[in-house]
Protein backbone atom coordinates (compact mmCIF):
# COMPACT_ATOMS: atom_id res chain seq x y z
CA UNK A 1 112.52 87.06 78.38
CA UNK A 2 114.27 88.06 75.20
CA UNK A 3 113.15 88.45 71.63
CA UNK A 4 111.26 85.41 70.22
CA UNK A 5 113.38 83.46 67.75
CA UNK A 6 111.70 80.22 66.70
CA UNK A 7 108.49 80.14 64.66
CA UNK A 8 106.69 78.71 67.69
CA UNK A 9 107.89 81.53 69.94
CA UNK A 10 107.12 84.21 67.36
CA UNK A 11 103.61 82.92 66.81
CA UNK A 12 102.99 82.56 70.54
CA UNK A 13 104.28 86.09 71.08
CA UNK A 14 102.07 87.50 68.33
CA UNK A 15 98.92 85.82 69.60
CA UNK A 16 99.69 86.51 73.27
CA UNK A 17 100.37 90.17 72.58
CA UNK A 18 97.27 90.33 70.40
CA UNK A 19 95.09 88.99 73.20
CA UNK A 20 96.58 91.38 75.77
CA UNK A 21 96.24 94.36 73.42
CA UNK A 22 92.65 93.51 72.50
CA UNK A 23 93.39 92.67 68.87
CA UNK A 24 91.80 89.35 69.75
CA UNK A 25 88.98 90.40 72.11
CA UNK A 26 87.27 88.14 74.62
CA UNK A 27 85.15 85.57 72.83
CA UNK A 28 86.95 85.86 69.51
CA UNK A 29 88.47 82.83 67.85
CA UNK A 30 92.10 82.25 66.93
CA UNK A 31 92.65 80.29 63.76
CA UNK A 32 95.42 77.71 63.54
CA UNK A 33 95.62 78.23 59.80
CA UNK A 34 98.87 79.71 58.52
CA UNK A 35 96.96 82.64 57.12
CA UNK A 36 95.48 83.52 60.49
CA UNK A 37 98.50 85.49 61.66
CA UNK A 38 101.44 87.51 60.45
CA UNK A 39 103.75 84.56 61.17
CA UNK A 40 103.69 81.86 58.52
CA UNK A 41 103.75 78.62 60.49
CA UNK A 42 102.58 75.06 59.99
CA UNK A 43 99.40 73.80 61.60
CA UNK A 44 101.52 71.72 63.98
CA UNK A 45 103.40 74.78 65.23
CA UNK A 46 100.16 76.75 65.41
CA UNK A 47 98.54 74.05 67.52
CA UNK A 48 101.54 73.98 69.85
CA UNK A 49 101.23 77.74 70.37
CA UNK A 50 97.50 77.40 71.06
CA UNK A 51 98.20 74.68 73.63
CA UNK A 52 100.55 77.03 75.47
CA UNK A 53 97.91 79.78 75.50
CA UNK A 54 95.38 77.23 76.76
CA UNK A 55 97.73 76.20 79.57
CA UNK A 56 98.05 79.90 80.48
CA UNK A 57 94.27 80.18 80.72
CA UNK A 58 94.15 82.71 77.90
CA UNK A 59 92.10 80.60 75.50
CA UNK A 60 89.61 77.78 75.75
CA UNK A 61 89.90 75.03 73.15
CA UNK A 62 86.97 72.89 72.06
CA UNK A 63 86.64 70.42 69.23
CA UNK A 64 84.98 71.85 66.13
CA UNK A 65 85.09 75.30 67.69
CA UNK A 66 88.80 75.98 68.02
CA UNK A 67 90.50 78.39 70.39
CA UNK A 68 88.33 81.09 71.95
CA UNK A 69 89.82 83.96 73.94
CA UNK A 70 89.02 83.83 77.66
CA UNK A 71 88.29 86.87 79.87
CA UNK A 72 91.32 88.23 81.76
CA UNK A 73 90.13 86.87 85.12
CA UNK A 74 90.88 83.37 83.78
CA UNK A 75 94.47 84.17 82.75
CA UNK A 76 97.39 82.90 84.82
CA UNK A 77 98.59 86.30 86.00
CA UNK A 78 101.83 84.97 87.49
CA UNK A 79 103.06 83.52 84.20
CA UNK A 80 106.25 85.42 83.19
CA UNK A 81 105.16 85.47 79.54
CA UNK A 82 101.88 87.19 80.39
CA UNK A 83 103.74 89.69 82.57
CA UNK A 84 106.07 90.50 79.69
CA UNK A 85 103.19 90.91 77.22
CA UNK A 86 101.38 93.23 79.60
CA UNK A 87 104.52 95.33 80.05
CA UNK A 88 104.77 95.60 76.26
CA UNK A 89 101.06 96.17 75.86
CA UNK A 90 98.90 99.30 75.90
CA UNK A 91 98.80 99.59 79.71
CA UNK A 92 102.25 98.73 81.13
CA UNK A 93 101.73 100.95 84.16
CA UNK A 94 98.78 98.85 85.27
CA UNK A 95 101.06 95.82 85.54
CA UNK A 96 103.49 97.85 87.66
CA UNK A 97 100.66 99.10 89.91
CA UNK A 98 99.54 95.51 90.52
CA UNK A 99 103.11 94.48 91.27
CA UNK A 100 103.59 97.41 93.67
CA UNK A 101 100.44 96.46 95.58
CA UNK A 102 101.58 92.85 95.78
CA UNK A 103 105.02 93.84 97.04
CA UNK A 104 103.69 96.22 99.71
CA UNK A 105 101.48 93.41 101.01
CA UNK A 106 104.07 90.64 101.17
CA UNK A 107 107.68 91.78 100.80
CA UNK A 108 108.23 93.01 104.39
CA UNK A 109 107.05 89.60 105.63
CA UNK A 110 109.33 87.90 103.12
CA UNK A 111 112.24 89.97 104.49
CA UNK A 112 111.46 88.83 108.05
CA UNK A 113 111.55 85.19 106.97
CA UNK A 114 114.73 85.74 104.96
CA UNK A 115 116.44 87.26 108.01
CA UNK A 116 115.68 84.14 110.02
CA UNK A 117 116.12 81.47 107.33
CA UNK A 118 118.62 82.65 104.71
CA UNK A 119 121.63 80.42 104.15
CA UNK A 120 125.15 81.89 103.96
CA UNK A 121 125.06 81.35 100.21
CA UNK A 122 121.80 83.29 99.92
CA UNK A 123 122.80 86.30 102.01
CA UNK A 124 126.15 86.39 100.22
CA UNK A 125 124.35 86.44 96.86
CA UNK A 126 121.96 89.11 98.18
CA UNK A 127 124.90 91.29 99.21
CA UNK A 128 126.56 90.87 95.81
CA UNK A 129 123.34 91.92 94.08
CA UNK A 130 123.06 94.99 96.33
CA UNK A 131 126.64 95.97 95.53
CA UNK A 132 125.82 95.53 91.85
CA UNK A 133 123.04 98.09 92.25
CA UNK A 134 125.52 100.48 93.84
CA UNK A 135 128.01 99.99 91.01
CA UNK A 136 125.43 100.64 88.29
CA UNK A 137 123.24 103.20 90.07
CA UNK A 138 124.12 105.97 87.60
CA UNK A 139 122.87 103.80 84.74
CA UNK A 140 119.70 102.55 86.34
CA UNK A 141 117.86 102.38 83.03
CA UNK A 142 120.43 99.93 81.68
CA UNK A 143 120.28 96.15 81.60
CA UNK A 144 122.96 95.47 84.28
CA UNK A 145 121.11 97.48 86.92
CA UNK A 146 117.76 95.86 86.13
CA UNK A 147 119.35 92.41 86.26
CA UNK A 148 120.91 93.09 89.67
CA UNK A 149 117.59 94.51 90.90
CA UNK A 150 115.63 91.49 89.67
CA UNK A 151 118.23 89.12 91.09
CA UNK A 152 118.18 90.86 94.49
CA UNK A 153 114.45 90.48 94.95
CA UNK A 154 114.30 86.95 93.56
CA UNK A 155 117.05 85.90 95.98
CA UNK A 156 115.19 87.62 98.84
CA UNK A 157 111.96 85.78 98.11
CA UNK A 158 113.82 82.50 97.74
CA UNK A 159 115.63 83.06 101.04
CA UNK A 160 112.26 83.11 102.81
CA UNK A 161 112.36 79.32 102.73
CA UNK A 162 108.73 79.32 101.59
CA UNK A 163 108.26 77.84 98.08
CA UNK A 164 105.11 79.88 97.50
CA UNK A 165 106.93 83.13 98.24
CA UNK A 166 109.81 81.89 96.09
CA UNK A 167 107.39 81.51 93.17
CA UNK A 168 106.23 85.10 93.70
CA UNK A 169 109.87 86.14 93.55
CA UNK A 170 109.98 85.06 89.92
CA UNK A 171 106.95 87.27 89.22
CA UNK A 172 108.58 90.27 90.88
CA UNK A 173 111.87 89.63 89.08
CA UNK A 174 110.27 89.34 85.64
CA UNK A 175 108.40 92.60 86.10
CA UNK A 176 111.51 94.43 87.32
CA UNK A 177 113.44 93.17 84.29
CA UNK A 178 110.64 94.22 81.99
CA UNK A 179 110.79 97.87 83.08
CA UNK A 180 114.22 98.44 81.55
CA UNK A 181 114.22 99.92 78.07
CA UNK A 182 110.53 100.91 78.24
CA UNK A 183 110.97 104.36 79.73
CA UNK A 184 109.78 103.13 83.12
CA UNK A 185 113.09 103.47 84.99
CA UNK A 186 114.96 106.74 85.70
CA UNK A 187 118.50 106.99 84.28
CA UNK A 188 119.95 107.54 87.77
CA UNK A 189 118.73 105.47 90.70
CA UNK A 190 117.45 107.13 93.87
CA UNK A 191 120.49 106.95 96.22
CA UNK A 192 118.24 106.34 99.22
CA UNK A 193 116.63 103.33 97.56
CA UNK A 194 120.03 101.88 96.66
CA UNK A 195 121.12 102.37 100.26
CA UNK A 196 117.98 100.63 101.49
CA UNK A 197 118.85 97.58 99.38
CA UNK A 198 122.29 97.50 100.99
CA UNK A 199 120.71 97.85 104.44
CA UNK A 200 118.25 95.05 103.70
CA UNK A 201 121.04 92.73 102.60
CA UNK A 202 122.99 93.56 105.75
CA UNK A 203 119.97 92.94 107.98
CA UNK A 204 119.35 89.56 106.37
CA UNK A 205 122.99 88.62 106.92
CA UNK A 206 122.82 89.78 110.54
CA UNK A 207 119.55 87.95 111.19
CA UNK A 208 117.89 91.26 112.15
CA UNK A 209 114.27 90.64 111.20
CA UNK A 210 112.93 94.02 112.36
CA UNK A 211 115.50 96.02 110.38
CA UNK A 212 115.01 93.78 107.34
CA UNK A 213 111.25 94.36 107.43
CA UNK A 214 111.69 98.12 107.80
CA UNK A 215 114.12 98.29 104.88
CA UNK A 216 111.87 96.17 102.67
CA UNK A 217 108.85 98.28 103.56
CA UNK A 218 110.74 101.48 102.70
CA UNK A 219 111.82 100.02 99.32
CA UNK A 220 108.37 98.90 98.26
CA UNK A 221 106.60 102.02 99.51
CA UNK A 222 109.02 104.24 97.58
CA UNK A 223 108.48 102.11 94.49
CA UNK A 224 104.71 102.36 94.87
CA UNK A 225 104.91 106.14 95.28
CA UNK A 226 107.10 106.47 92.17
CA UNK A 227 104.61 104.43 90.14
CA UNK A 228 101.71 106.54 91.44
CA UNK A 229 103.54 109.69 90.25
CA UNK A 230 104.25 108.15 86.87
CA UNK A 231 100.57 107.33 86.45
CA UNK A 232 99.48 110.95 86.93
């Protein structure tokens, strides 16, 4: 999502990261006073940041009490900002494990729908993203590769024609982008995985649902296995 620039973004980032990291534990209060954080901001900006955290389910705001940190099961786990904070937090691998489990459960089905519903513009974009992965496969830990990877899967989910799957595509894409630069991506991509992306794009273009599902399943299962190894 990029480095926070405005005072509002910096304060939101500090508080969000603090909640994720446990600096602000469940039940603790966040002060809107300028002295309550490392970012010197007005009360107006502080209140705006608190409102965002409240909308994300991370804090509960009551009059005369202020903002109190909610337990994690109340947080909006699909919010891209929360995903980014978790990837930058003390347990980034846990976020990747959750994503891998989500992808194994749904991405093959998404691929089937994409193979039957994708527009020419969508399968063309999917093919371009796959070719981008090929072109940058020897620099897989770089930003171009991660952007092509994120774009590929977001396009795939969008091509399902199901708006709920499309929303999940944004979650997958944000997590894939967040891996780059955090030591969570190998410098050289697995050639088989790159090939599977190309095969998946081709299957979607050809309207071959069975091949698309098989390619998607192979991609997500390999990703899950790689994460399991990294967690050892």
